[in-house]
C-alpha atoms as a PDB file:
ATOM      1  CA  UNK A   1       0.000   0.000   0.000  1.00  0.00           C
ATOM      2  CA  UNK A   2       1.479   3.373  -1.015  1.00  0.00           C
ATOM      3  CA  UNK A   3       1.966   5.995   1.645  1.00  0.00           C
ATOM      4  CA  UNK A   4       0.508   9.502   1.520  1.00  0.00           C
ATOM      5  CA  UNK A   5       3.825  10.978   0.346  1.00  0.00           C
ATOM      6  CA  UNK A   6       3.801   8.754  -2.742  1.00  0.00           C
ATOM      7  CA  UNK A   7       0.226   9.741  -3.540  1.00  0.00           C
ATOM      8  CA  UNK A   8       1.066  13.431  -3.160  1.00  0.00           C
ATOM      9  CA  UNK A   9       3.990  12.973  -5.565  1.00  0.00           C
ATOM     10  CA  UNK A  10       1.719  11.206  -8.069  1.00  0.00           C
ATOM     11  CA  UNK A  11      -0.768  14.068  -7.883  1.00  0.00           C
ATOM     12  CA  UNK A  12       2.011  16.604  -8.458  1.00  0.00           C
ATOM     13  CA  UNK A  13       3.294  14.637 -11.463  1.00  0.00           C
ATOM     14  CA  UNK A  14      -0.210  14.360 -12.909  1.00  0.00           C
ATOM     15  CA  UNK A  15      -0.878  18.112 -12.794  1.00  0.00           C
ATOM     16  CA  UNK A  16       1.179  18.938 -15.883  1.00  0.00           C
ATOM     17  CA  UNK A  17      -0.642  16.450 -18.138  1.00  0.00           C
ATOM     18  CA  UNK A  18      -3.945  17.746 -16.746  1.00  0.00           C
ATOM     19  CA  UNK A  19      -3.045  21.255 -17.942  1.00  0.00           C
ATOM     20  CA  UNK A  20      -2.145  19.774 -21.324  1.00  0.00           C
ATOM     21  CA  UNK A  21      -5.539  18.075 -21.373  1.00  0.00           C
ATOM     22  CA  UNK A  22      -7.196  21.441 -20.683  1.00  0.00           C
ATOM     23  CA  UNK A  23      -5.363  22.985 -23.636  1.00  0.00           C
ATOM     24  CA  UNK A  24      -6.378  20.110 -25.897  1.00  0.00           C
ATOM     25  CA  UNK A  25      -9.997  20.568 -24.786  1.00  0.00           C
ATOM     26  CA  UNK A  26      -9.777  24.208 -25.875  1.00  0.00           C
ATOM     27  CA  UNK A  27      -8.455  23.152 -29.278  1.00  0.00           C
ATOM     28  CA  UNK A  28     -11.249  20.622 -29.646  1.00  0.00           C
ATOM     29  CA  UNK A  29     -13.776  23.341 -28.859  1.00  0.00           C
ATOM     30  CA  UNK A  30     -12.394  25.523 -31.662  1.00  0.00           C
ATOM     31  CA  UNK A  31     -12.388  22.576 -34.078  1.00  0.00           C
ATOM     32  CA  UNK A  32     -15.964  21.656 -33.194  1.00  0.00           C
ATOM     33  CA  UNK A  33     -17.045  25.245 -33.840  1.00  0.00           C
ATOM     34  CA  UNK A  34     -15.339  25.060 -37.250  1.00  0.00           C
ATOM     35  CA  UNK A  35     -17.107  21.853 -38.225  1.00  0.00           C
ATOM     36  CA  UNK A  36     -20.432  23.306 -37.068  1.00  0.00           C
ATOM     37  CA  UNK A  37     -19.800  26.291 -39.326  1.00  0.00           C
ATOM     38  CA  UNK A  38     -18.938  23.985 -42.239  1.00  0.00           C
ATOM     39  CA  UNK A  39     -22.167  22.040 -41.707  1.00  0.00           C
ATOM     40  CA  UNK A  40     -24.129  25.294 -41.633  1.00  0.00           C
ATOM     41  CA  UNK A  41     -22.506  26.379 -44.894  1.00  0.00           C
ATOM     42  CA  UNK A  42     -23.338  22.953 -46.352  1.00  0.00           C
ATOM     43  CA  UNK A  43     -26.990  23.511 -45.524  1.00  0.00           C
ATOM     44  CA  UNK A  44     -26.825  26.942 -47.127  1.00  0.00           C
ATOM     45  CA  UNK A  45     -25.214  25.338 -50.171  1.00  0.00           C
ATOM     46  CA  UNK A  46     -28.119  22.930 -50.496  1.00  0.00           C
ATOM     47  CA  UNK A  47     -30.407  25.955 -50.600  1.00  0.00           C
ATOM     48  CA  UNK A  48     -28.267  27.651 -53.259  1.00  0.00           C
ATOM     49  CA  UNK A  49     -27.032  30.438 -50.996  1.00  0.00           C
ATOM     50  CA  UNK A  50     -23.265  29.974 -51.465  1.00  0.00           C
ATOM     51  CA  UNK A  51     -20.903  30.273 -54.408  1.00  0.00           C
ATOM     52  CA  UNK A  52     -19.912  27.252 -56.494  1.00  0.00           C
ATOM     53  CA  UNK A  53     -16.285  27.512 -55.342  1.00  0.00           C
ATOM     54  CA  UNK A  54     -17.286  27.492 -51.681  1.00  0.00           C
ATOM     55  CA  UNK A  55     -19.723  24.647 -52.258  1.00  0.00           C
ATOM     56  CA  UNK A  56     -17.047  22.421 -53.827  1.00  0.00           C
ATOM     57  CA  UNK A  57     -14.614  23.101 -50.968  1.00  0.00           C
ATOM     58  CA  UNK A  58     -17.025  22.227 -48.145  1.00  0.00           C
ATOM     59  CA  UNK A  59     -16.609  18.435 -48.325  1.00  0.00           C
ATOM     60  CA  UNK A  60     -12.775  18.462 -48.275  1.00  0.00           C
ATOM     61  CA  UNK A  61     -12.908  20.960 -45.405  1.00  0.00           C
ATOM     62  CA  UNK A  62     -15.372  18.767 -43.507  1.00  0.00           C
ATOM     63  CA  UNK A  63     -13.165  15.706 -43.971  1.00  0.00           C
ATOM     64  CA  UNK A  64     -10.028  17.548 -42.835  1.00  0.00           C
ATOM     65  CA  UNK A  65     -11.748  19.018 -39.783  1.00  0.00           C
ATOM     66  CA  UNK A  66     -13.234  15.653 -38.866  1.00  0.00           C
ATOM     67  CA  UNK A  67      -9.804  14.001 -39.138  1.00  0.00           C
ATOM     68  CA  UNK A  68      -8.278  16.816 -37.055  1.00  0.00           C
ATOM     69  CA  UNK A  69     -10.910  16.288 -34.360  1.00  0.00           C
ATOM     70  CA  UNK A  70     -10.250  12.546 -34.379  1.00  0.00           C
ATOM     71  CA  UNK A  71      -6.475  12.962 -34.072  1.00  0.00           C
ATOM     72  CA  UNK A  72      -6.813  15.570 -31.333  1.00  0.00           C
ATOM     73  CA  UNK A  73      -9.272  13.377 -29.430  1.00  0.00           C
ATOM     74  CA  UNK A  74      -6.792  10.485 -29.650  1.00  0.00           C
ATOM     75  CA  UNK A  75      -4.175  12.846 -28.199  1.00  0.00           C
ATOM     76  CA  UNK A  76      -6.511  13.683 -25.309  1.00  0.00           C
ATOM     77  CA  UNK A  77      -7.165   9.988 -24.665  1.00  0.00           C
ATOM     78  CA  UNK A  78      -3.442   9.248 -24.630  1.00  0.00           C
ATOM     79  CA  UNK A  79      -2.870  12.067 -22.131  1.00  0.00           C
ATOM     80  CA  UNK A  80      -5.508  10.393 -19.958  1.00  0.00           C
ATOM     81  CA  UNK A  81      -3.501   7.158 -20.232  1.00  0.00           C
ATOM     82  CA  UNK A  82      -0.428   9.096 -19.079  1.00  0.00           C
ATOM     83  CA  UNK A  83      -2.304  10.413 -16.042  1.00  0.00           C
ATOM     84  CA  UNK A  84      -3.702   6.963 -15.219  1.00  0.00           C
ATOM     85  CA  UNK A  85      -0.232   5.474 -15.672  1.00  0.00           C
ATOM     86  CA  UNK A  86       1.297   7.941 -13.244  1.00  0.00           C
ATOM     87  CA  UNK A  87      -1.269   6.994 -10.619  1.00  0.00           C
ATOM     88  CA  UNK A  88      -1.073   3.300 -11.475  1.00  0.00           C
ATOM     89  CA  UNK A  89       2.682   3.324 -11.007  1.00  0.00           C
ATOM     90  CA  UNK A  90       2.268   4.593  -7.437  1.00  0.00           C
ATOM     91  CA  UNK A  91      -0.793   2.526  -6.538  1.00  0.00           C
ATOM     92  CA  UNK A  92       0.518  -0.756  -7.966  1.00  0.00           C
ATOM     93  CA  UNK A  93       4.114  -0.044  -6.967  1.00  0.00           C
ATOM     94  CA  UNK A  94       5.326  -1.108 -10.389  1.00  0.00           C
ATOM     95  CA  UNK A  95       7.339   0.426 -13.215  1.00  0.00           C
ATOM     96  CA  UNK A  96       5.120   1.819 -15.971  1.00  0.00           C
ATOM     97  CA  UNK A  97       7.655   4.267 -17.407  1.00  0.00           C
ATOM     98  CA  UNK A  98       7.591   2.693 -20.875  1.00  0.00           C
ATOM     99  CA  UNK A  99       3.795   2.845 -21.086  1.00  0.00           C
ATOM    100  CA  UNK A 100       3.749   6.406 -19.773  1.00  0.00           C
ATOM    101  CA  UNK A 101       6.528   7.519 -22.133  1.00  0.00           C
ATOM    102  CA  UNK A 102       5.021   5.804 -25.166  1.00  0.00           C
ATOM    103  CA  UNK A 103       1.591   7.266 -24.381  1.00  0.00           C
ATOM    104  CA  UNK A 104       3.011  10.764 -24.027  1.00  0.00           C
ATOM    105  CA  UNK A 105       4.962  10.450 -27.289  1.00  0.00           C
ATOM    106  CA  UNK A 106       1.838   9.132 -29.016  1.00  0.00           C
ATOM    107  CA  UNK A 107      -0.196  12.013 -27.631  1.00  0.00           C
ATOM    108  CA  UNK A 108       2.284  14.534 -29.026  1.00  0.00           C
ATOM    109  CA  UNK A 109       2.302  12.845 -32.443  1.00  0.00           C
ATOM    110  CA  UNK A 110      -1.509  12.733 -32.526  1.00  0.00           C
ATOM    111  CA  UNK A 111      -1.693  16.374 -31.455  1.00  0.00           C
ATOM    112  CA  UNK A 112       0.776  17.375 -34.188  1.00  0.00           C
ATOM    113  CA  UNK A 113      -1.289  15.452 -36.749  1.00  0.00           C
ATOM    114  CA  UNK A 114      -4.502  17.114 -35.554  1.00  0.00           C
ATOM    115  CA  UNK A 115      -2.995  20.585 -35.689  1.00  0.00           C
ATOM    116  CA  UNK A 116      -1.519  19.920 -39.147  1.00  0.00           C
ATOM    117  CA  UNK A 117      -4.887  18.765 -40.488  1.00  0.00           C
ATOM    118  CA  UNK A 118      -6.594  21.757 -38.896  1.00  0.00           C
ATOM    119  CA  UNK A 119      -4.062  24.125 -40.458  1.00  0.00           C
ATOM    120  CA  UNK A 120      -4.698  22.532 -43.870  1.00  0.00           C
ATOM    121  CA  UNK A 121      -8.442  23.081 -43.415  1.00  0.00           C
ATOM    122  CA  UNK A 122      -7.830  26.732 -42.560  1.00  0.00           C
ATOM    123  CA  UNK A 123      -5.796  27.139 -45.746  1.00  0.00           C
ATOM    124  CA  UNK A 124      -8.610  25.603 -47.796  1.00  0.00           C
ATOM    125  CA  UNK A 125     -11.115  27.926 -46.141  1.00  0.00           C
ATOM    126  CA  UNK A 126      -8.971  30.963 -46.902  1.00  0.00           C
ATOM    127  CA  UNK A 127      -8.673  29.926 -50.560  1.00  0.00           C
ATOM    128  CA  UNK A 128     -12.444  30.066 -50.966  1.00  0.00           C
ATOM    129  CA  UNK A 129     -12.802  33.572 -49.554  1.00  0.00           C
ATOM    130  CA  UNK A 130     -11.204  36.502 -51.262  1.00  0.00           C
ATOM    131  CA  UNK A 131     -11.829  39.906 -49.794  1.00  0.00           C
ATOM    132  CA  UNK A 132     -11.287  42.618 -52.319  1.00  0.00           C
ATOM    133  CA  UNK A 133     -10.828  46.184 -51.215  1.00  0.00           C
ATOM    134  CA  UNK A 134     -12.948  48.690 -53.034  1.00  0.00           C
ATOM    135  CA  UNK A 135     -11.020  51.564 -54.549  1.00  0.00           C
ATOM    136  CA  UNK A 136     -11.582  54.788 -52.664  1.00  0.00           C
ATOM    137  CA  UNK A 137     -13.193  57.624 -54.450  1.00  0.00           C
ATOM    138  CA  UNK A 138     -11.227  60.799 -54.077  1.00  0.00           C
ATOM    139  CA  UNK A 139     -13.179  63.703 -52.733  1.00  0.00           C
END
């Protein structure tokens, strides 16, 4: 049975991944808002309220955002495995360093993949919108 000092150390070690999990949750919130916007634009497209260029870009954007959400969610799950591993190591009095390390590395790779996919979706979105400045009329 672990003593209270070991449990306190496990809690301290788990705080950093918990903050990472909070940051990932914020990213997921932004991504979910993006996909909601894409779905809304898809509905508008079905009603003929968007341009042809925007309409053709909605499906690739939806797929990229969905993949980004999936990868980022996998990252969040792997961070949870890290946190559980840190506690499990103390509670079971066993070495789980390889599982914890591999889970953390996997979380970082999944997070990088999610952010890369999200960045690609943003680039596609920016290609469909061109804001042209109107020339000023001199007075």
